[in-house]
Every structure is written in structure tokens, then in C-alpha cells.
Amino acid sequence: MVALRECSGWAEVATVRGMERQRIRPAVSSDVPAVKAVTDAAYRPYIERIGVVPRPMEADHAANVAAGKVFVTDEPGTGRAGPVGLVVLEAHADHLFLDSIAVHPDAHGRGVGRRLLRFVDAHARALGLPEVRLYTNAMMWENQEIYPRYGYEVVERAVDGPYDRVHYRKRLL
């Protein structure tokens, strides 16, 4: 069982069984190198498969952090200091856009991605937004298996330049 509490832009996730606590918080300027490192480590394996550098790897991480779009989490026991997972979010009038979710490979299988997705839902609700939207590359098959398990439905598939994307939404209200 997991409880999520959001306060002033950060969330604390308490896992009841072990009372382990992870904090999801807004990234600060000192996190920018870790944001880049986690993003690159998470997306690098897809370069060969999709034939192009994934857009999150080319993002202006410093600008996103400065704009308050990036939220990070640490994970005890990975041997990594600093953030091991992150989301990049953009609030729009009618939805929250999940621009990127990245988990460092050292933290795979520890529930980091699940906690981040729950945070995204809680953040959208706190902002009074009725849905979350995202897209993923059609060649990122793993994501197409994950998102429906968390309540996302396919809206469309569209090509944007070199990117073949599957668009999803999750209605919250």
C-alpha cells in the first residue's frame, strides 16, 4: 500500500510495509547535471532502435528546471547519490502534459516509475486538471505495455518529423 501526500510542489511517498519514504520534489539548479544524466541513461538504449536521438535527451534541462517543470526523486539502496528518477511536466488549461519520465537503469524494478506516475496524477488533481496526456515513440514497446496498466488510453498515432508517436491520455475526474 502506498500513500501519497503533496505539499507545496513536492510529494512524499510512504510505503506502508517498510515505512520507507521517498520524496518527489521540484528540481533545483544543482540537480541539472543529474537530470541530464538520468535522462540520457534512461533514453540512450532507444537511439539504435528508433534511429534518432529521443527528444528528451536534447531538451534544455536547465531551462526546464528553472521553469519549475522538473520533479525528481532519490532512491535509497541504488548506490547512486542524487536523483534516480524524474518527470517533466507542463500544465495546460485542460490537461497536464507528461513531457518525459525517466528512471536511471540502476533504479529499475524498485517502483520508481510507478511512484512518479502516481505523483503525476496527484499533481494534476492538485492543479484541478481533468486529465494527463503524454506520447511515446511507437518503437518504445515497453512503454506501450506500461501506460495502459496505469489507466492511459491511446488517443492517436501521429508522425512528427522523424518521430512516430503514440499519444495517450488518462482521465482523472
Protein backbone atom coordinates (compact mmCIF):
# COMPACT_ATOMS: atom_id res chain seq x y z
CA MET A 1 0.00 0.00 0.00
CA VAL A 2 1.31 3.43 -0.93
CA ALA A 3 0.22 6.80 0.39
CA LEU A 4 0.99 10.00 -1.47
CA ARG A 5 0.98 13.39 0.19
CA GLU A 6 1.57 16.51 -1.88
CA CYS A 7 2.67 19.72 -0.21
CA SER A 8 3.94 22.91 -1.82
CA GLY A 9 5.07 21.24 -5.03
CA TRP A 10 6.68 18.17 -3.50
CA ALA A 11 5.26 14.84 -2.59
CA GLU A 12 6.26 12.30 -0.04
CA VAL A 13 5.57 8.68 -0.85
CA ALA A 14 5.39 6.36 2.13
CA THR A 15 5.45 2.63 1.53
CA VAL A 16 3.44 1.28 4.43
CA ARG A 17 5.06 -2.17 4.61
CA GLY A 18 8.56 -0.89 5.28
CA MET A 19 7.71 2.71 6.11
CA GLU A 20 10.31 3.58 3.50
CA ARG A 21 9.98 7.17 2.38
CA GLN A 22 10.93 8.69 -0.92
CA ARG A 23 10.43 12.33 -1.65
CA ILE A 24 9.43 13.68 -5.03
CA ARG A 25 10.39 17.33 -5.17
CA PRO A 26 10.87 20.14 -7.66
CA ALA A 27 14.33 20.01 -9.19
CA VAL A 28 16.71 22.85 -8.37
CA SER A 29 19.59 24.21 -10.41
CA SER A 30 22.12 21.95 -8.68
CA ASP A 31 20.09 18.95 -9.95
CA VAL A 32 20.59 19.84 -13.64
CA PRO A 33 23.63 17.55 -14.16
CA ALA A 34 21.73 14.64 -12.55
CA VAL A 35 18.61 15.42 -14.61
CA LYS A 36 20.71 15.21 -17.76
CA ALA A 37 22.50 12.04 -16.59
CA VAL A 38 19.28 10.24 -15.63
CA THR A 39 17.54 11.30 -18.85
CA ASP A 40 20.47 10.20 -21.01
CA ALA A 41 20.84 6.87 -19.20
CA ALA A 42 17.10 6.16 -19.49
CA TYR A 43 16.74 7.06 -23.17
CA ARG A 44 20.16 6.06 -24.58
CA PRO A 45 19.13 2.42 -25.23
CA TYR A 46 16.42 3.62 -27.63
CA ILE A 47 18.72 5.50 -30.02
CA GLU A 48 19.60 2.45 -32.10
CA ARG A 49 16.06 1.08 -32.05
CA ILE A 50 14.28 4.26 -33.19
CA GLY A 51 17.13 5.55 -35.35
CA VAL A 52 17.17 9.02 -33.85
CA VAL A 53 18.13 10.63 -30.54
CA PRO A 54 14.99 10.73 -28.36
CA ARG A 55 13.80 14.30 -27.89
CA PRO A 56 14.14 14.29 -24.05
CA MET A 57 17.90 13.83 -24.47
CA GLU A 58 18.05 17.08 -26.44
CA ALA A 59 15.90 19.10 -24.03
CA ASP A 60 17.18 22.24 -22.35
CA HIS A 61 17.28 20.72 -18.87
CA ALA A 62 18.44 23.93 -17.19
CA ALA A 63 15.52 25.88 -18.69
CA ASN A 64 13.03 23.17 -17.72
CA VAL A 65 14.34 23.12 -14.14
CA ALA A 66 14.27 26.93 -13.95
CA ALA A 67 10.67 26.92 -15.23
CA GLY A 68 9.60 24.52 -12.46
CA LYS A 69 8.71 21.72 -14.89
CA VAL A 70 11.03 19.03 -13.49
CA PHE A 71 10.35 16.90 -10.40
CA VAL A 72 12.94 14.42 -9.12
CA THR A 73 13.17 11.54 -6.68
CA ASP A 74 16.03 9.74 -4.99
CA GLU A 75 16.08 6.03 -4.24
CA PRO A 76 17.97 4.60 -1.29
CA GLY A 77 19.92 1.43 -1.94
CA THR A 78 20.84 2.06 -5.58
CA GLY A 79 24.36 3.19 -4.81
CA ARG A 80 23.64 6.45 -6.62
CA ALA A 81 23.79 9.82 -4.94
CA GLY A 82 21.09 12.25 -6.00
CA PRO A 83 18.08 11.82 -8.25
CA VAL A 84 17.43 8.48 -9.95
CA GLY A 85 14.06 9.34 -11.46
CA LEU A 86 12.28 12.38 -12.81
CA VAL A 87 9.28 13.72 -14.64
CA VAL A 88 9.00 16.81 -16.81
CA LEU A 89 5.51 18.32 -16.64
CA GLU A 90 3.71 21.14 -18.42
CA ALA A 91 0.38 22.43 -17.12
CA HIS A 92 -2.12 23.49 -19.79
CA ALA A 93 -5.63 24.89 -19.35
CA ASP A 94 -7.32 21.50 -19.80
CA HIS A 95 -4.63 18.92 -19.00
CA LEU A 96 -1.21 18.16 -17.54
CA PHE A 97 1.28 17.11 -20.20
CA LEU A 98 3.83 14.50 -19.12
CA ASP A 99 6.66 15.53 -21.41
CA SER A 100 9.15 12.99 -20.09
CA ILE A 101 9.52 10.32 -17.44
CA ALA A 102 12.98 8.87 -16.86
CA VAL A 103 14.32 6.31 -14.40
CA HIS A 104 18.03 5.53 -14.22
CA PRO A 105 18.70 1.85 -15.11
CA ASP A 106 20.30 1.35 -11.66
CA ALA A 107 16.86 2.00 -10.13
CA HIS A 108 14.79 -0.20 -12.45
CA GLY A 109 12.49 -2.65 -10.69
CA ARG A 110 12.26 -0.59 -7.50
CA GLY A 111 8.91 1.09 -8.17
CA VAL A 112 10.40 4.48 -9.02
CA GLY A 113 8.44 4.82 -12.26
CA ARG A 114 5.21 3.75 -10.57
CA ARG A 115 5.69 6.37 -7.84
CA LEU A 116 6.44 9.03 -10.43
CA LEU A 117 3.28 8.18 -12.39
CA ARG A 118 1.23 8.38 -9.19
CA PHE A 119 2.81 11.74 -8.45
CA VAL A 120 1.83 12.98 -11.92
CA ASP A 121 -1.81 12.03 -11.24
CA ALA A 122 -1.75 13.71 -7.82
CA HIS A 123 -0.12 16.83 -9.23
CA ALA A 124 -2.74 17.12 -11.99
CA ARG A 125 -5.52 16.72 -9.43
CA ALA A 126 -3.93 19.34 -7.16
CA LEU A 127 -3.94 21.73 -10.13
CA GLY A 128 -7.59 20.92 -10.83
CA LEU A 129 -6.80 19.42 -14.23
CA PRO A 130 -9.07 16.66 -15.53
CA GLU A 131 -6.53 14.60 -17.44
CA VAL A 132 -2.91 13.76 -18.08
CA ARG A 133 -1.60 13.49 -21.64
CA LEU A 134 1.64 12.07 -22.95
CA TYR A 135 3.15 10.48 -26.01
CA THR A 136 5.77 7.84 -26.56
CA ASN A 137 7.68 6.70 -29.60
CA ALA A 138 5.95 3.82 -31.37
CA MET A 139 9.23 1.87 -31.21
CA MET A 140 9.33 2.09 -27.40
CA TRP A 141 7.25 -1.07 -26.99
CA GLU A 142 7.85 -1.30 -23.26
CA ASN A 143 6.02 1.98 -22.71
CA GLN A 144 3.05 0.83 -24.75
CA GLU A 145 2.68 -2.08 -22.32
CA ILE A 146 3.09 0.07 -19.21
CA TYR A 147 0.81 3.05 -19.80
CA PRO A 148 -2.47 1.13 -20.24
CA ARG A 149 -1.79 -0.62 -16.90
CA TYR A 150 -1.88 2.80 -15.26
CA GLY A 151 -5.14 3.88 -16.87
CA TYR A 152 -3.88 5.56 -20.02
CA GLU A 153 -5.75 5.07 -23.28
CA VAL A 154 -4.43 5.53 -26.81
CA VAL A 155 -5.81 8.64 -28.47
CA GLU A 156 -3.94 8.61 -31.78
CA ARG A 157 -0.76 7.71 -33.57
CA ALA A 158 0.95 10.52 -35.45
CA VAL A 159 4.25 11.18 -37.18
CA ASP A 160 6.08 14.38 -36.24
CA GLY A 161 9.23 14.69 -38.34
CA PRO A 162 11.44 11.69 -37.53
CA TYR A 163 9.26 10.70 -34.56
CA ASP A 164 6.45 8.15 -34.86
CA ARG A 165 4.40 8.77 -31.72
CA VAL A 166 1.56 7.10 -29.89
CA HIS A 167 -0.48 9.67 -27.95
CA TYR A 168 -2.16 8.73 -24.67
CA ARG A 169 -4.47 10.33 -22.15
CA LYS A 170 -5.67 9.45 -18.69
CA ARG A 171 -8.90 10.99 -17.45
CA LEU A 172 -8.77 11.79 -13.75
CA LEU A 173 -12.09 13.39 -12.88
